[in-house]
Amino acid sequence: MKSLIIFIVIFTISYLFYIFFVILRKKNKKFNSKKVRVEENFLINKYKLDMKKINYRKFLFLIYFCNSVIIGITVTIIGNIDTKVLWQLLLAPLALFPMILISYTLIGKYYVKKGCVKDV
């Protein structure tokens, strides 16, 4: 039960942080190819997404929702390991990177299935 509470708190804090400081802070609500973040760039290039067919704000909310879930799961898992803090910091990337790749693959396949790819 304690782990669930930790996950919910970390998820809520990180998601609200993303909403207030990243999504709502963007002055231009449309896609700007000159100001692309790493997450967006990875998905656009790997899955050949056409940003003209995608609602950009929903795209950002989905990406940062997944990022918040990843952060919450990682903190919960690594926090429950009874080792020194140094080992927890070394193990965190091992848990973090596979979750990032899996979740971004799911997001990319979702948009490919919706037909939001460039016509080549």
Protein backbone atom coordinates (compact mmCIF):
# COMPACT_ATOMS: atom_id res chain seq x y z
CA MET A 1 0.00 0.00 0.00
CA LYS A 2 2.90 2.31 0.78
CA SER A 3 4.34 1.74 -2.70
CA LEU A 4 1.04 2.68 -4.34
CA ILE A 5 0.87 5.92 -2.37
CA ILE A 6 4.46 6.76 -3.33
CA PHE A 7 3.68 6.06 -6.99
CA ILE A 8 0.55 8.24 -6.95
CA VAL A 9 2.35 11.13 -5.24
CA ILE A 10 5.37 11.02 -7.57
CA PHE A 11 3.16 10.62 -10.64
CA THR A 12 0.94 13.54 -9.63
CA ILE A 13 3.84 15.86 -8.85
CA SER A 14 5.71 15.07 -12.06
CA TYR A 15 2.59 15.32 -14.26
CA LEU A 16 1.57 18.65 -12.75
CA PHE A 17 5.15 19.86 -13.18
CA TYR A 18 5.04 18.93 -16.88
CA ILE A 19 1.66 20.56 -17.38
CA PHE A 20 2.49 23.86 -15.71
CA PHE A 21 6.12 24.30 -16.71
CA VAL A 22 6.25 22.66 -20.13
CA ILE A 23 2.89 22.39 -21.86
CA LEU A 24 1.07 25.49 -20.61
CA ARG A 25 4.24 27.57 -20.82
CA LYS A 26 4.46 27.15 -24.57
CA LYS A 27 3.31 30.40 -26.05
CA ASN A 28 2.63 28.95 -29.47
CA LYS A 29 0.11 26.12 -29.30
CA LYS A 30 1.08 24.85 -32.75
CA PHE A 31 3.97 22.62 -33.72
CA ASN A 32 7.22 24.46 -34.38
CA SER A 33 9.89 22.35 -36.05
CA LYS A 34 12.62 24.66 -34.74
CA LYS A 35 11.69 24.10 -31.08
CA VAL A 36 11.33 20.32 -30.94
CA ARG A 37 12.13 18.50 -27.70
CA VAL A 38 14.05 15.23 -27.62
CA GLU A 39 10.96 13.10 -27.02
CA GLU A 40 9.08 14.69 -29.89
CA ASN A 41 12.07 14.44 -32.21
CA PHE A 42 12.54 10.75 -31.44
CA LEU A 43 8.90 9.91 -32.21
CA ILE A 44 8.70 12.10 -35.32
CA ASN A 45 11.89 10.73 -36.88
CA LYS A 46 11.50 7.06 -35.92
CA TYR A 47 7.86 6.70 -36.93
CA LYS A 48 7.81 9.36 -39.70
CA LEU A 49 4.92 11.17 -38.04
CA ASP A 50 3.21 13.98 -39.90
CA MET A 51 2.65 16.71 -37.34
CA LYS A 52 0.05 18.38 -39.57
CA LYS A 53 -2.27 15.41 -38.97
CA ILE A 54 -1.71 15.31 -35.19
CA ASN A 55 -3.29 17.49 -32.53
CA TYR A 56 -0.08 18.87 -31.02
CA ARG A 57 -1.43 19.57 -27.53
CA LYS A 58 -2.87 16.04 -27.20
CA PHE A 59 0.46 14.71 -28.47
CA LEU A 60 2.31 16.61 -25.73
CA PHE A 61 -0.14 15.52 -23.03
CA LEU A 62 0.28 11.87 -24.06
CA ILE A 63 4.08 12.07 -24.08
CA TYR A 64 4.26 13.73 -20.70
CA PHE A 65 1.64 11.42 -19.22
CA CYS A 66 3.87 8.49 -20.20
CA ASN A 67 6.93 10.28 -18.83
CA SER A 68 5.17 10.80 -15.50
CA VAL A 69 4.18 7.13 -15.32
CA ILE A 70 7.78 6.14 -16.09
CA ILE A 71 9.14 8.44 -13.39
CA GLY A 72 6.60 7.18 -10.86
CA ILE A 73 7.32 3.51 -11.57
CA THR A 74 11.08 4.04 -11.50
CA VAL A 75 11.04 5.89 -8.18
CA THR A 76 8.71 3.28 -6.67
CA ILE A 77 10.81 0.32 -7.84
CA ILE A 78 14.17 1.79 -6.98
CA GLY A 79 12.92 3.18 -3.66
CA ASN A 80 11.84 -0.29 -2.55
CA ILE A 81 15.27 -1.82 -3.09
CA ASP A 82 17.07 -2.05 0.23
CA THR A 83 20.53 -0.97 -0.81
CA LYS A 84 22.65 2.11 -0.47
CA VAL A 85 21.67 5.25 -2.33
CA LEU A 86 24.66 4.93 -4.67
CA TRP A 87 23.45 1.52 -5.87
CA GLN A 88 19.94 2.86 -6.30
CA LEU A 89 21.30 5.68 -8.48
CA LEU A 90 23.24 3.16 -10.55
CA LEU A 91 20.24 0.84 -10.95
CA ALA A 92 17.77 3.59 -11.86
CA PRO A 93 18.91 3.97 -15.51
CA LEU A 94 18.68 0.20 -15.96
CA ALA A 95 14.99 0.40 -15.04
CA LEU A 96 14.41 3.72 -16.77
CA PHE A 97 15.67 3.15 -20.31
CA PRO A 98 13.65 0.00 -21.15
CA MET A 99 10.46 1.66 -19.91
CA ILE A 100 11.16 4.73 -22.04
CA LEU A 101 11.73 2.64 -25.15
CA ILE A 102 8.63 0.53 -24.56
CA SER A 103 6.32 3.47 -23.88
CA TYR A 104 7.59 5.55 -26.82
CA THR A 105 7.21 2.53 -29.08
CA LEU A 106 3.58 2.20 -27.97
CA ILE A 107 2.98 5.92 -28.60
CA GLY A 108 4.59 5.72 -32.03
CA LYS A 109 2.58 2.65 -33.03
CA TYR A 110 -0.60 4.34 -31.80
CA TYR A 111 -0.06 7.28 -34.13
CA VAL A 112 0.98 5.03 -37.01
CA LYS A 113 -2.22 3.03 -36.54
CA LYS A 114 -4.25 6.26 -36.57
CA GLY A 115 -2.69 7.05 -39.96
CA CYS A 116 -0.68 10.08 -38.87
CA VAL A 117 2.39 9.20 -40.95
CA LYS A 118 3.92 11.13 -43.81
CA ASP A 119 2.93 10.02 -47.28
CA VAL A 120 6.18 9.06 -48.94
